Amino acid sequence: MTFLLMFSIIQANQLAYINRAVTHFNVLLRIAGPVLAENQRIQYQSQFAQISSDDDYARIITELTEVCHAKNLRTPEFVVW
């Protein structure tokens, strides 16, 4: 029973982290949206759908953040907890 409880807590934390990461990507994409061409927006969505590592995620988020900062757009920080 204790193992099942611990497993459930860990699983819930993992899901919460993933949801926050996806939400952060979507927020950045919406912020950058007005300065991106439609094909660029689709490209970022495609790259996000193909993420296979944390490095892939970090690269996409860094690129979107740089696009926003180049246009003086404010971006939120991704805070895990």
PDB file of N, CA and C in Angstrom:
ATOM      1  N   MET A   1       0.821  -1.190   0.000  1.00  0.00           N
ATOM      2  CA  MET A   1       0.000   0.000   0.000  1.00  0.00           C
ATOM      3  C   MET A   1       0.875   1.268   0.000  1.00  0.00           C
ATOM      4  N   THR A   2       1.933   1.242   0.804  1.00  0.00           N
ATOM      5  CA  THR A   2       2.837   2.384   0.874  1.00  0.00           C
ATOM      6  C   THR A   2       3.519   2.608  -0.474  1.00  0.00           C
ATOM      7  N   PHE A   3       3.936   1.511  -1.117  1.00  0.00           N
ATOM      8  CA  PHE A   3       4.558   1.624  -2.432  1.00  0.00           C
ATOM      9  C   PHE A   3       3.601   2.245  -3.430  1.00  0.00           C
ATOM     10  N   LEU A   4       2.376   1.824  -3.423  1.00  0.00           N
ATOM     11  CA  LEU A   4       1.377   2.357  -4.345  1.00  0.00           C
ATOM     12  C   LEU A   4       1.140   3.841  -4.094  1.00  0.00           C
ATOM     13  N   LEU A   5       1.094   4.239  -2.856  1.00  0.00           N
ATOM     14  CA  LEU A   5       0.920   5.645  -2.511  1.00  0.00           C
ATOM     15  C   LEU A   5       2.108   6.474  -2.983  1.00  0.00           C
ATOM     16  N   MET A   6       3.311   6.007  -2.735  1.00  0.00           N
ATOM     17  CA  MET A   6       4.506   6.731  -3.163  1.00  0.00           C
ATOM     18  C   MET A   6       4.571   6.822  -4.689  1.00  0.00           C
ATOM     19  N   PHE A   7       4.249   5.728  -5.360  1.00  0.00           N
ATOM     20  CA  PHE A   7       4.242   5.711  -6.817  1.00  0.00           C
ATOM     21  C   PHE A   7       3.235   6.723  -7.352  1.00  0.00           C
ATOM     22  N   SER A   8       2.076   6.792  -6.756  1.00  0.00           N
ATOM     23  CA  SER A   8       1.037   7.729  -7.187  1.00  0.00           C
ATOM     24  C   SER A   8       1.474   9.174  -6.991  1.00  0.00           C
ATOM     25  N   ILE A   9       2.122   9.459  -5.886  1.00  0.00           N
ATOM     26  CA  ILE A   9       2.603  10.816  -5.618  1.00  0.00           C
ATOM     27  C   ILE A   9       3.668  11.209  -6.637  1.00  0.00           C
ATOM     28  N   ILE A  10       4.596  10.314  -6.903  1.00  0.00           N
ATOM     29  CA  ILE A  10       5.644  10.602  -7.893  1.00  0.00           C
ATOM     30  C   ILE A  10       5.035  10.809  -9.268  1.00  0.00           C
ATOM     31  N   GLN A  11       4.095   9.955  -9.637  1.00  0.00           N
ATOM     32  CA  GLN A  11       3.433  10.072 -10.943  1.00  0.00           C
ATOM     33  C   GLN A  11       2.684  11.403 -11.053  1.00  0.00           C
ATOM     34  N   ALA A  12       2.006  11.807 -10.010  1.00  0.00           N
ATOM     35  CA  ALA A  12       1.273  13.076 -10.024  1.00  0.00           C
ATOM     36  C   ALA A  12       2.232  14.253 -10.178  1.00  0.00           C
ATOM     37  N   ASN A  13       3.383  14.199  -9.512  1.00  0.00           N
ATOM     38  CA  ASN A  13       4.374  15.266  -9.649  1.00  0.00           C
ATOM     39  C   ASN A  13       4.948  15.328 -11.052  1.00  0.00           C
ATOM     40  N   GLN A  14       5.197  14.186 -11.659  1.00  0.00           N
ATOM     41  CA  GLN A  14       5.698  14.156 -13.032  1.00  0.00           C
ATOM     42  C   GLN A  14       4.685  14.759 -13.997  1.00  0.00           C
ATOM     43  N   LEU A  15       3.432  14.398 -13.832  1.00  0.00           N
ATOM     44  CA  LEU A  15       2.391  14.945 -14.700  1.00  0.00           C
ATOM     45  C   LEU A  15       2.236  16.450 -14.518  1.00  0.00           C
ATOM     46  N   ALA A  16       2.341  16.909 -13.290  1.00  0.00           N
ATOM     47  CA  ALA A  16       2.244  18.347 -13.038  1.00  0.00           C
ATOM     48  C   ALA A  16       3.394  19.083 -13.711  1.00  0.00           C
ATOM     49  N   TYR A  17       4.605  18.530 -13.637  1.00  0.00           N
ATOM     50  CA  TYR A  17       5.765  19.150 -14.267  1.00  0.00           C
ATOM     51  C   TYR A  17       5.588  19.199 -15.783  1.00  0.00           C
ATOM     52  N   ILE A  18       5.150  18.110 -16.372  1.00  0.00           N
ATOM     53  CA  ILE A  18       4.940  18.055 -17.826  1.00  0.00           C
ATOM     54  C   ILE A  18       3.888  19.072 -18.249  1.00  0.00           C
ATOM     55  N   ASN A  19       2.808  19.156 -17.510  1.00  0.00           N
ATOM     56  CA  ASN A  19       1.763  20.122 -17.838  1.00  0.00           C
ATOM     57  C   ASN A  19       2.268  21.557 -17.752  1.00  0.00           C
ATOM     58  N   ARG A  20       3.088  21.844 -16.770  1.00  0.00           N
ATOM     59  CA  ARG A  20       3.649  23.198 -16.645  1.00  0.00           C
ATOM     60  C   ARG A  20       4.595  23.502 -17.798  1.00  0.00           C
ATOM     61  N   ALA A  21       5.369  22.503 -18.233  1.00  0.00           N
ATOM     62  CA  ALA A  21       6.292  22.696 -19.353  1.00  0.00           C
ATOM     63  C   ALA A  21       5.519  22.948 -20.651  1.00  0.00           C
ATOM     64  N   VAL A  22       4.465  22.186 -20.878  1.00  0.00           N
ATOM     65  CA  VAL A  22       3.643  22.377 -22.082  1.00  0.00           C
ATOM     66  C   VAL A  22       2.968  23.740 -22.047  1.00  0.00           C
ATOM     67  N   THR A  23       2.450  24.112 -20.898  1.00  0.00           N
ATOM     68  CA  THR A  23       1.809  25.416 -20.763  1.00  0.00           C
ATOM     69  C   THR A  23       2.808  26.539 -21.018  1.00  0.00           C
ATOM     70  N   HIS A  24       4.019  26.397 -20.523  1.00  0.00           N
ATOM     71  CA  HIS A  24       5.050  27.418 -20.732  1.00  0.00           C
ATOM     72  C   HIS A  24       5.341  27.575 -22.225  1.00  0.00           C
ATOM     73  N   PHE A  25       5.468  26.461 -22.940  1.00  0.00           N
ATOM     74  CA  PHE A  25       5.688  26.526 -24.391  1.00  0.00           C
ATOM     75  C   PHE A  25       4.534  27.257 -25.071  1.00  0.00           C
ATOM     76  N   ASN A  26       3.312  26.886 -24.730  1.00  0.00           N
ATOM     77  CA  ASN A  26       2.143  27.512 -25.361  1.00  0.00           C
ATOM     78  C   ASN A  26       2.066  29.011 -25.072  1.00  0.00           C
ATOM     79  N   VAL A  27       2.416  29.408 -23.867  1.00  0.00           N
ATOM     80  CA  VAL A  27       2.415  30.836 -23.523  1.00  0.00           C
ATOM     81  C   VAL A  27       3.455  31.575 -24.360  1.00  0.00           C
ATOM     82  N   LEU A  28       4.666  31.019 -24.457  1.00  0.00           N
ATOM     83  CA  LEU A  28       5.702  31.670 -25.263  1.00  0.00           C
ATOM     84  C   LEU A  28       5.299  31.757 -26.731  1.00  0.00           C
ATOM     85  N   LEU A  29       4.688  30.700 -27.248  1.00  0.00           N
ATOM     86  CA  LEU A  29       4.264  30.710 -28.640  1.00  0.00           C
ATOM     87  C   LEU A  29       3.183  31.767 -28.879  1.00  0.00           C
ATOM     88  N   ARG A  30       2.289  31.936 -27.929  1.00  0.00           N
ATOM     89  CA  ARG A  30       1.266  32.980 -28.058  1.00  0.00           C
ATOM     90  C   ARG A  30       1.863  34.377 -27.951  1.00  0.00           C
ATOM     91  N   ILE A  31       2.827  34.555 -27.074  1.00  0.00           N
ATOM     92  CA  ILE A  31       3.470  35.862 -26.946  1.00  0.00           C
ATOM     93  C   ILE A  31       4.209  36.209 -28.229  1.00  0.00           C
ATOM     94  N   ALA A  32       4.929  35.241 -28.783  1.00  0.00           N
ATOM     95  CA  ALA A  32       5.707  35.478 -30.000  1.00  0.00           C
ATOM     96  C   ALA A  32       4.828  35.464 -31.252  1.00  0.00           C
ATOM     97  N   GLY A  33       3.618  34.970 -31.148  1.00  0.00           N
ATOM     98  CA  GLY A  33       2.730  34.807 -32.294  1.00  0.00           C
ATOM     99  C   GLY A  33       2.627  35.991 -33.236  1.00  0.00           C
ATOM    100  N   PRO A  34       2.419  37.204 -32.745  1.00  0.00           N
ATOM    101  CA  PRO A  34       2.269  38.352 -33.645  1.00  0.00           C
ATOM    102  C   PRO A  34       3.520  38.686 -34.460  1.00  0.00           C
ATOM    103  N   VAL A  35       4.682  38.262 -34.003  1.00  0.00           N
ATOM    104  CA  VAL A  35       5.907  38.586 -34.738  1.00  0.00           C
ATOM    105  C   VAL A  35       6.416  37.407 -35.561  1.00  0.00           C
ATOM    106  N   LEU A  36       5.747  36.266 -35.479  1.00  0.00           N
ATOM    107  CA  LEU A  36       6.138  35.082 -36.246  1.00  0.00           C
ATOM    108  C   LEU A  36       5.273  34.951 -37.490  1.00  0.00           C
ATOM    109  N   ALA A  37       5.891  34.502 -38.565  1.00  0.00           N
ATOM    110  CA  ALA A  37       5.122  34.158 -39.755  1.00  0.00           C
ATOM    111  C   ALA A  37       4.393  32.841 -39.472  1.00  0.00           C
ATOM    112  N   GLU A  38       3.333  32.590 -40.206  1.00  0.00           N
ATOM    113  CA  GLU A  38       2.539  31.381 -39.975  1.00  0.00           C
ATOM    114  C   GLU A  38       3.394  30.116 -40.108  1.00  0.00           C
ATOM    115  N   ASN A  39       4.277  30.083 -41.095  1.00  0.00           N
ATOM    116  CA  ASN A  39       5.102  28.890 -41.261  1.00  0.00           C
ATOM    117  C   ASN A  39       6.087  28.707 -40.099  1.00  0.00           C
ATOM    118  N   GLN A  40       6.545  29.798 -39.498  1.00  0.00           N
ATOM    119  CA  GLN A  40       7.419  29.694 -38.324  1.00  0.00           C
ATOM    120  C   GLN A  40       6.655  29.131 -37.134  1.00  0.00           C
ATOM    121  N   ARG A  41       5.434  29.595 -36.957  1.00  0.00           N
ATOM    122  CA  ARG A  41       4.592  29.113 -35.858  1.00  0.00           C
ATOM    123  C   ARG A  41       4.348  27.604 -36.016  1.00  0.00           C
ATOM    124  N   ILE A  42       4.046  27.188 -37.232  1.00  0.00           N
ATOM    125  CA  ILE A  42       3.820  25.763 -37.493  1.00  0.00           C
ATOM    126  C   ILE A  42       5.103  24.973 -37.264  1.00  0.00           C
ATOM    127  N   GLN A  43       6.241  25.545 -37.637  1.00  0.00           N
ATOM    128  CA  GLN A  43       7.530  24.885 -37.436  1.00  0.00           C
ATOM    129  C   GLN A  43       7.798  24.653 -35.950  1.00  0.00           C
ATOM    130  N   TYR A  44       7.542  25.667 -35.122  1.00  0.00           N
ATOM    131  CA  TYR A  44       7.744  25.502 -33.675  1.00  0.00           C
ATOM    132  C   TYR A  44       6.806  24.431 -33.111  1.00  0.00           C
ATOM    133  N   GLN A  45       5.565  24.413 -33.561  1.00  0.00           N
ATOM    134  CA  GLN A  45       4.627  23.395 -33.094  1.00  0.00           C
ATOM    135  C   GLN A  45       5.090  22.002 -33.507  1.00  0.00           C
ATOM    136  N   SER A  46       5.608  21.885 -34.717  1.00  0.00           N
ATOM    137  CA  SER A  46       6.118  20.603 -35.190  1.00  0.00           C
ATOM    138  C   SER A  46       7.326  20.160 -34.374  1.00  0.00           C
ATOM    139  N   GLN A  47       8.239  21.085 -34.127  1.00  0.00           N
ATOM    140  CA  GLN A  47       9.420  20.754 -33.325  1.00  0.00           C
ATOM    141  C   GLN A  47       9.017  20.328 -31.918  1.00  0.00           C
ATOM    142  N   PHE A  48       8.030  21.013 -31.357  1.00  0.00           N
ATOM    143  CA  PHE A  48       7.582  20.670 -30.006  1.00  0.00           C
ATOM    144  C   PHE A  48       6.975  19.272 -29.980  1.00  0.00           C
ATOM    145  N   ALA A  49       6.229  18.928 -31.014  1.00  0.00           N
ATOM    146  CA  ALA A  49       5.608  17.607 -31.084  1.00  0.00           C
ATOM    147  C   ALA A  49       6.649  16.498 -31.216  1.00  0.00           C
ATOM    148  N   GLN A  50       7.831  16.842 -31.683  1.00  0.00           N
ATOM    149  CA  GLN A  50       8.883  15.846 -31.899  1.00  0.00           C
ATOM    150  C   GLN A  50       9.918  15.794 -30.769  1.00  0.00           C
ATOM    151  N   ILE A  51       9.671  16.481 -29.673  1.00  0.00           N
ATOM    152  CA  ILE A  51      10.632  16.513 -28.568  1.00  0.00           C
ATOM    153  C   ILE A  51      10.891  15.098 -28.066  1.00  0.00           C
ATOM    154  N   SER A  52      12.188  14.802 -27.920  1.00  0.00           N
ATOM    155  CA  SER A  52      12.559  13.488 -27.404  1.00  0.00           C
ATOM    156  C   SER A  52      13.524  13.581 -26.218  1.00  0.00           C
ATOM    157  N   SER A  53      13.924  14.799 -25.861  1.00  0.00           N
ATOM    158  CA  SER A  53      14.827  14.959 -24.719  1.00  0.00           C
ATOM    159  C   SER A  53      14.634  16.336 -24.098  1.00  0.00           C
ATOM    160  N   ASP A  54      15.197  16.504 -22.924  1.00  0.00           N
ATOM    161  CA  ASP A  54      15.110  17.811 -22.275  1.00  0.00           C
ATOM    162  C   ASP A  54      15.924  18.852 -23.028  1.00  0.00           C
ATOM    163  N   ASP A  55      16.951  18.417 -23.752  1.00  0.00           N
ATOM    164  CA  ASP A  55      17.724  19.355 -24.571  1.00  0.00           C
ATOM    165  C   ASP A  55      16.888  19.908 -25.719  1.00  0.00           C
ATOM    166  N   ASP A  56      16.044  19.058 -26.312  1.00  0.00           N
ATOM    167  CA  ASP A  56      15.142  19.514 -27.379  1.00  0.00           C
ATOM    168  C   ASP A  56      14.199  20.587 -26.841  1.00  0.00           C
ATOM    169  N   TYR A  57      13.633  20.321 -25.662  1.00  0.00           N
ATOM    170  CA  TYR A  57      12.715  21.284 -25.043  1.00  0.00           C
ATOM    171  C   TYR A  57      13.439  22.598 -24.750  1.00  0.00           C
ATOM    172  N   ALA A  58      14.619  22.500 -24.159  1.00  0.00           N
ATOM    173  CA  ALA A  58      15.378  23.704 -23.801  1.00  0.00           C
ATOM    174  C   ALA A  58      15.716  24.528 -25.046  1.00  0.00           C
ATOM    175  N   ARG A  59      16.058  23.874 -26.137  1.00  0.00           N
ATOM    176  CA  ARG A  59      16.408  24.581 -27.373  1.00  0.00           C
ATOM    177  C   ARG A  59      15.216  25.356 -27.910  1.00  0.00           C
ATOM    178  N   ILE A  60      14.059  24.728 -27.957  1.00  0.00           N
ATOM    179  CA  ILE A  60      12.857  25.391 -28.474  1.00  0.00           C
ATOM    180  C   ILE A  60      12.477  26.574 -27.582  1.00  0.00           C
ATOM    181  N   ILE A  61      12.506  26.366 -26.274  1.00  0.00           N
ATOM    182  CA  ILE A  61      12.145  27.429 -25.341  1.00  0.00           C
ATOM    183  C   ILE A  61      13.136  28.585 -25.450  1.00  0.00           C
ATOM    184  N   THR A  62      14.417  28.285 -25.588  1.00  0.00           N
ATOM    185  CA  THR A  62      15.426  29.330 -25.735  1.00  0.00           C
ATOM    186  C   THR A  62      15.199  30.131 -27.012  1.00  0.00           C
ATOM    187  N   GLU A  63      14.919  29.440 -28.104  1.00  0.00           N
ATOM    188  CA  GLU A  63      14.666  30.134 -29.370  1.00  0.00           C
ATOM    189  C   GLU A  63      13.457  31.058 -29.264  1.00  0.00           C
ATOM    190  N   LEU A  64      12.363  30.550 -28.706  1.00  0.00           N
ATOM    191  CA  LEU A  64      11.162  31.377 -28.574  1.00  0.00           C
ATOM    192  C   LEU A  64      11.401  32.563 -27.644  1.00  0.00           C
ATOM    193  N   THR A  65      12.130  32.336 -26.572  1.00  0.00           N
ATOM    194  CA  THR A  65      12.435  33.424 -25.639  1.00  0.00           C
ATOM    195  C   THR A  65      13.283  34.491 -26.319  1.00  0.00           C
ATOM    196  N   GLU A  66      14.249  34.080 -27.121  1.00  0.00           N
ATOM    197  CA  GLU A  66      15.085  35.037 -27.843  1.00  0.00           C
ATOM    198  C   GLU A  66      14.273  35.837 -28.856  1.00  0.00           C
ATOM    199  N   VAL A  67      13.334  35.187 -29.537  1.00  0.00           N
ATOM    200  CA  VAL A  67      12.455  35.901 -30.472  1.00  0.00           C
ATOM    201  C   VAL A  67      11.673  36.970 -29.722  1.00  0.00           C
ATOM    202  N   CYS A  68      11.123  36.599 -28.583  1.00  0.00           N
ATOM    203  CA  CYS A  68      10.337  37.550 -27.787  1.00  0.00           C
ATOM    204  C   CYS A  68      11.199  38.714 -27.303  1.00  0.00           C
ATOM    205  N   HIS A  69      12.366  38.417 -26.786  1.00  0.00           N
ATOM    206  CA  HIS A  69      13.240  39.469 -26.260  1.00  0.00           C
ATOM    207  C   HIS A  69      13.736  40.395 -27.368  1.00  0.00           C
ATOM    208  N   ALA A  70      13.945  39.849 -28.567  1.00  0.00           N
ATOM    209  CA  ALA A  70      14.379  40.689 -29.690  1.00  0.00           C
ATOM    210  C   ALA A  70      13.319  41.724 -30.054  1.00  0.00           C
ATOM    211  N   LYS A  71      12.066  41.419 -29.767  1.00  0.00           N
ATOM    212  CA  LYS A  71      10.959  42.342 -30.058  1.00  0.00           C
ATOM    213  C   LYS A  71      10.457  43.051 -28.798  1.00  0.00           C
ATOM    214  N   ASN A  72      11.253  42.978 -27.721  1.00  0.00           N
ATOM    215  CA  ASN A  72      10.913  43.616 -26.441  1.00  0.00           C
ATOM    216  C   ASN A  72       9.586  43.136 -25.869  1.00  0.00           C
ATOM    217  N   LEU A  73       9.314  41.858 -26.014  1.00  0.00           N
ATOM    218  CA  LEU A  73       8.124  41.254 -25.438  1.00  0.00           C
ATOM    219  C   LEU A  73       8.495  40.602 -24.111  1.00  0.00           C
ATOM    220  N   ARG A  74       7.647  40.762 -23.129  1.00  0.00           N
ATOM    221  CA  ARG A  74       7.907  40.165 -21.821  1.00  0.00           C
ATOM    222  C   ARG A  74       7.574  38.679 -21.846  1.00  0.00           C
ATOM    223  N   THR A  75       8.419  37.890 -21.206  1.00  0.00           N
ATOM    224  CA  THR A  75       8.181  36.450 -21.132  1.00  0.00           C
ATOM    225  C   THR A  75       8.232  35.995 -19.680  1.00  0.00           C
ATOM    226  N   PRO A  76       7.389  35.040 -19.332  1.00  0.00           N
ATOM    227  CA  PRO A  76       7.441  34.506 -17.972  1.00  0.00           C
ATOM    228  C   PRO A  76       8.596  33.523 -17.833  1.00  0.00           C
ATOM    229  N   GLU A  77       9.084  33.386 -16.624  1.00  0.00           N
ATOM    230  CA  GLU A  77      10.109  32.385 -16.330  1.00  0.00           C
ATOM    231  C   GLU A  77       9.410  31.075 -16.019  1.00  0.00           C
ATOM    232  N   PHE A  78      10.045  29.983 -16.407  1.00  0.00           N
ATOM    233  CA  PHE A  78       9.494  28.658 -16.093  1.00  0.00           C
ATOM    234  C   PHE A  78       9.993  28.264 -14.714  1.00  0.00           C
ATOM    235  N   VAL A  79       9.106  28.266 -13.754  1.00  0.00           N
ATOM    236  CA  VAL A  79       9.436  27.899 -12.392  1.00  0.00           C
ATOM    237  C   VAL A  79       8.837  26.534 -12.136  1.00  0.00           C
ATOM    238  N   VAL A  80       9.676  25.582 -11.763  1.00  0.00           N
ATOM    239  CA  VAL A  80       9.202  24.229 -11.582  1.00  0.00           C
ATOM    240  C   VAL A  80       8.166  24.158 -10.469  1.00  0.00           C
ATOM    241  N   TRP A  81       8.451  24.734  -9.296  1.00  0.00           N
ATOM    242  CA  TRP A  81       7.486  24.688  -8.192  1.00  0.00           C
ATOM    243  C   TRP A  81       7.352  26.032  -7.574  1.00  0.00           C
TER     244      TRP A  81
END
